[in-house]
């Protein structure tokens, strides 16, 4: 993973979290018009550097990051 790809992906995560209060594959798809595979790749890129950012949400069967957690990572 190169730093440019991470920065782009992380900014997408920040933007969606700011808009919705959370980030999921579905929210990335809707916000950016991505396919399921593309939105999964964005999450995967960010999880490689910040594996604790996304938690598995059993109710929706998806990885989910909350705004407060994204903001913590964004300030470091």
C-alpha atoms as a PDB file:
ATOM      1  CA  UNK A   1       0.000   0.000   0.000  1.00  0.00           C
ATOM      2  CA  UNK A   2       1.392   3.370  -0.895  1.00  0.00           C
ATOM      3  CA  UNK A   3       0.880   6.483   1.188  1.00  0.00           C
ATOM      4  CA  UNK A   4      -1.079   8.276  -1.547  1.00  0.00           C
ATOM      5  CA  UNK A   5      -3.647   5.476  -1.713  1.00  0.00           C
ATOM      6  CA  UNK A   6      -3.954   5.456   2.079  1.00  0.00           C
ATOM      7  CA  UNK A   7      -4.422   9.235   2.270  1.00  0.00           C
ATOM      8  CA  UNK A   8      -7.133   9.187  -0.410  1.00  0.00           C
ATOM      9  CA  UNK A   9      -8.944   6.277   1.248  1.00  0.00           C
ATOM     10  CA  UNK A  10      -8.652   7.773   4.727  1.00  0.00           C
ATOM     11  CA  UNK A  11     -10.035  11.112   3.512  1.00  0.00           C
ATOM     12  CA  UNK A  12     -13.025   9.285   2.058  1.00  0.00           C
ATOM     13  CA  UNK A  13     -13.565   7.632   5.456  1.00  0.00           C
ATOM     14  CA  UNK A  14     -13.310  10.999   7.241  1.00  0.00           C
ATOM     15  CA  UNK A  15     -15.761  12.643   4.838  1.00  0.00           C
ATOM     16  CA  UNK A  16     -18.386   9.915   5.142  1.00  0.00           C
ATOM     17  CA  UNK A  17     -18.021   9.693   8.929  1.00  0.00           C
ATOM     18  CA  UNK A  18     -18.467  13.455   9.182  1.00  0.00           C
ATOM     19  CA  UNK A  19     -21.602  13.351   7.040  1.00  0.00           C
ATOM     20  CA  UNK A  20     -23.263  10.307   8.598  1.00  0.00           C
ATOM     21  CA  UNK A  21     -21.651   9.799  12.010  1.00  0.00           C
ATOM     22  CA  UNK A  22     -20.322   6.408  10.910  1.00  0.00           C
ATOM     23  CA  UNK A  23     -18.779   4.602   7.940  1.00  0.00           C
ATOM     24  CA  UNK A  24     -19.787   1.298   6.389  1.00  0.00           C
ATOM     25  CA  UNK A  25     -19.240  -0.212   2.979  1.00  0.00           C
ATOM     26  CA  UNK A  26     -22.783   0.806   2.085  1.00  0.00           C
ATOM     27  CA  UNK A  27     -22.292   4.440   3.159  1.00  0.00           C
ATOM     28  CA  UNK A  28     -19.121   4.651   1.055  1.00  0.00           C
ATOM     29  CA  UNK A  29     -20.979   3.179  -1.923  1.00  0.00           C
ATOM     30  CA  UNK A  30     -23.732   5.774  -1.648  1.00  0.00           C
ATOM     31  CA  UNK A  31     -21.453   8.748  -0.989  1.00  0.00           C
ATOM     32  CA  UNK A  32     -18.986   8.061  -3.803  1.00  0.00           C
ATOM     33  CA  UNK A  33     -20.898   5.867  -6.243  1.00  0.00           C
ATOM     34  CA  UNK A  34     -18.514   2.982  -5.616  1.00  0.00           C
ATOM     35  CA  UNK A  35     -19.108  -0.669  -6.245  1.00  0.00           C
ATOM     36  CA  UNK A  36     -19.193  -3.055  -3.293  1.00  0.00           C
ATOM     37  CA  UNK A  37     -15.702  -4.233  -4.217  1.00  0.00           C
ATOM     38  CA  UNK A  38     -14.321  -0.672  -4.436  1.00  0.00           C
ATOM     39  CA  UNK A  39     -15.802   0.381  -1.104  1.00  0.00           C
ATOM     40  CA  UNK A  40     -14.442  -2.779   0.519  1.00  0.00           C
ATOM     41  CA  UNK A  41     -11.004  -1.900  -0.862  1.00  0.00           C
ATOM     42  CA  UNK A  42     -11.187   1.594   0.690  1.00  0.00           C
ATOM     43  CA  UNK A  43     -11.969   0.051   4.078  1.00  0.00           C
ATOM     44  CA  UNK A  44      -9.263  -2.591   3.652  1.00  0.00           C
ATOM     45  CA  UNK A  45      -6.600   0.029   2.852  1.00  0.00           C
ATOM     46  CA  UNK A  46      -7.451   2.004   5.986  1.00  0.00           C
ATOM     47  CA  UNK A  47      -7.698  -1.113   8.153  1.00  0.00           C
ATOM     48  CA  UNK A  48      -4.153  -2.104   7.158  1.00  0.00           C
ATOM     49  CA  UNK A  49      -2.814   0.975   8.939  1.00  0.00           C
ATOM     50  CA  UNK A  50      -5.552   1.297  11.595  1.00  0.00           C
ATOM     51  CA  UNK A  51      -6.851  -2.233  12.274  1.00  0.00           C
ATOM     52  CA  UNK A  52      -8.730  -1.132  15.386  1.00  0.00           C
ATOM     53  CA  UNK A  53     -10.714   1.629  13.645  1.00  0.00           C
ATOM     54  CA  UNK A  54     -13.431  -0.595  12.187  1.00  0.00           C
ATOM     55  CA  UNK A  55     -15.423  -2.979  14.359  1.00  0.00           C
ATOM     56  CA  UNK A  56     -17.629  -5.794  13.141  1.00  0.00           C
ATOM     57  CA  UNK A  57     -21.295  -4.864  13.543  1.00  0.00           C
ATOM     58  CA  UNK A  58     -23.302  -8.068  13.934  1.00  0.00           C
ATOM     59  CA  UNK A  59     -26.645  -6.333  13.420  1.00  0.00           C
ATOM     60  CA  UNK A  60     -25.739  -5.142   9.927  1.00  0.00           C
ATOM     61  CA  UNK A  61     -23.097  -7.805   9.201  1.00  0.00           C
ATOM     62  CA  UNK A  62     -20.598  -5.151   8.200  1.00  0.00           C
ATOM     63  CA  UNK A  63     -17.516  -3.334   9.356  1.00  0.00           C
ATOM     64  CA  UNK A  64     -18.412  -0.004  10.931  1.00  0.00           C
ATOM     65  CA  UNK A  65     -16.328   2.946  12.115  1.00  0.00           C
ATOM     66  CA  UNK A  66     -17.863   5.695  14.227  1.00  0.00           C
ATOM     67  CA  UNK A  67     -17.131   9.389  13.825  1.00  0.00           C
ATOM     68  CA  UNK A  68     -15.461   9.772  17.231  1.00  0.00           C
ATOM     69  CA  UNK A  69     -13.019   6.961  16.433  1.00  0.00           C
ATOM     70  CA  UNK A  70     -12.257   8.386  12.985  1.00  0.00           C
ATOM     71  CA  UNK A  71     -11.624  11.812  14.515  1.00  0.00           C
ATOM     72  CA  UNK A  72      -9.155  10.306  16.995  1.00  0.00           C
ATOM     73  CA  UNK A  73      -7.179   8.681  14.175  1.00  0.00           C
ATOM     74  CA  UNK A  74      -7.361  11.856  12.095  1.00  0.00           C
ATOM     75  CA  UNK A  75      -5.774  13.927  14.860  1.00  0.00           C
ATOM     76  CA  UNK A  76      -2.770  11.623  15.284  1.00  0.00           C
END
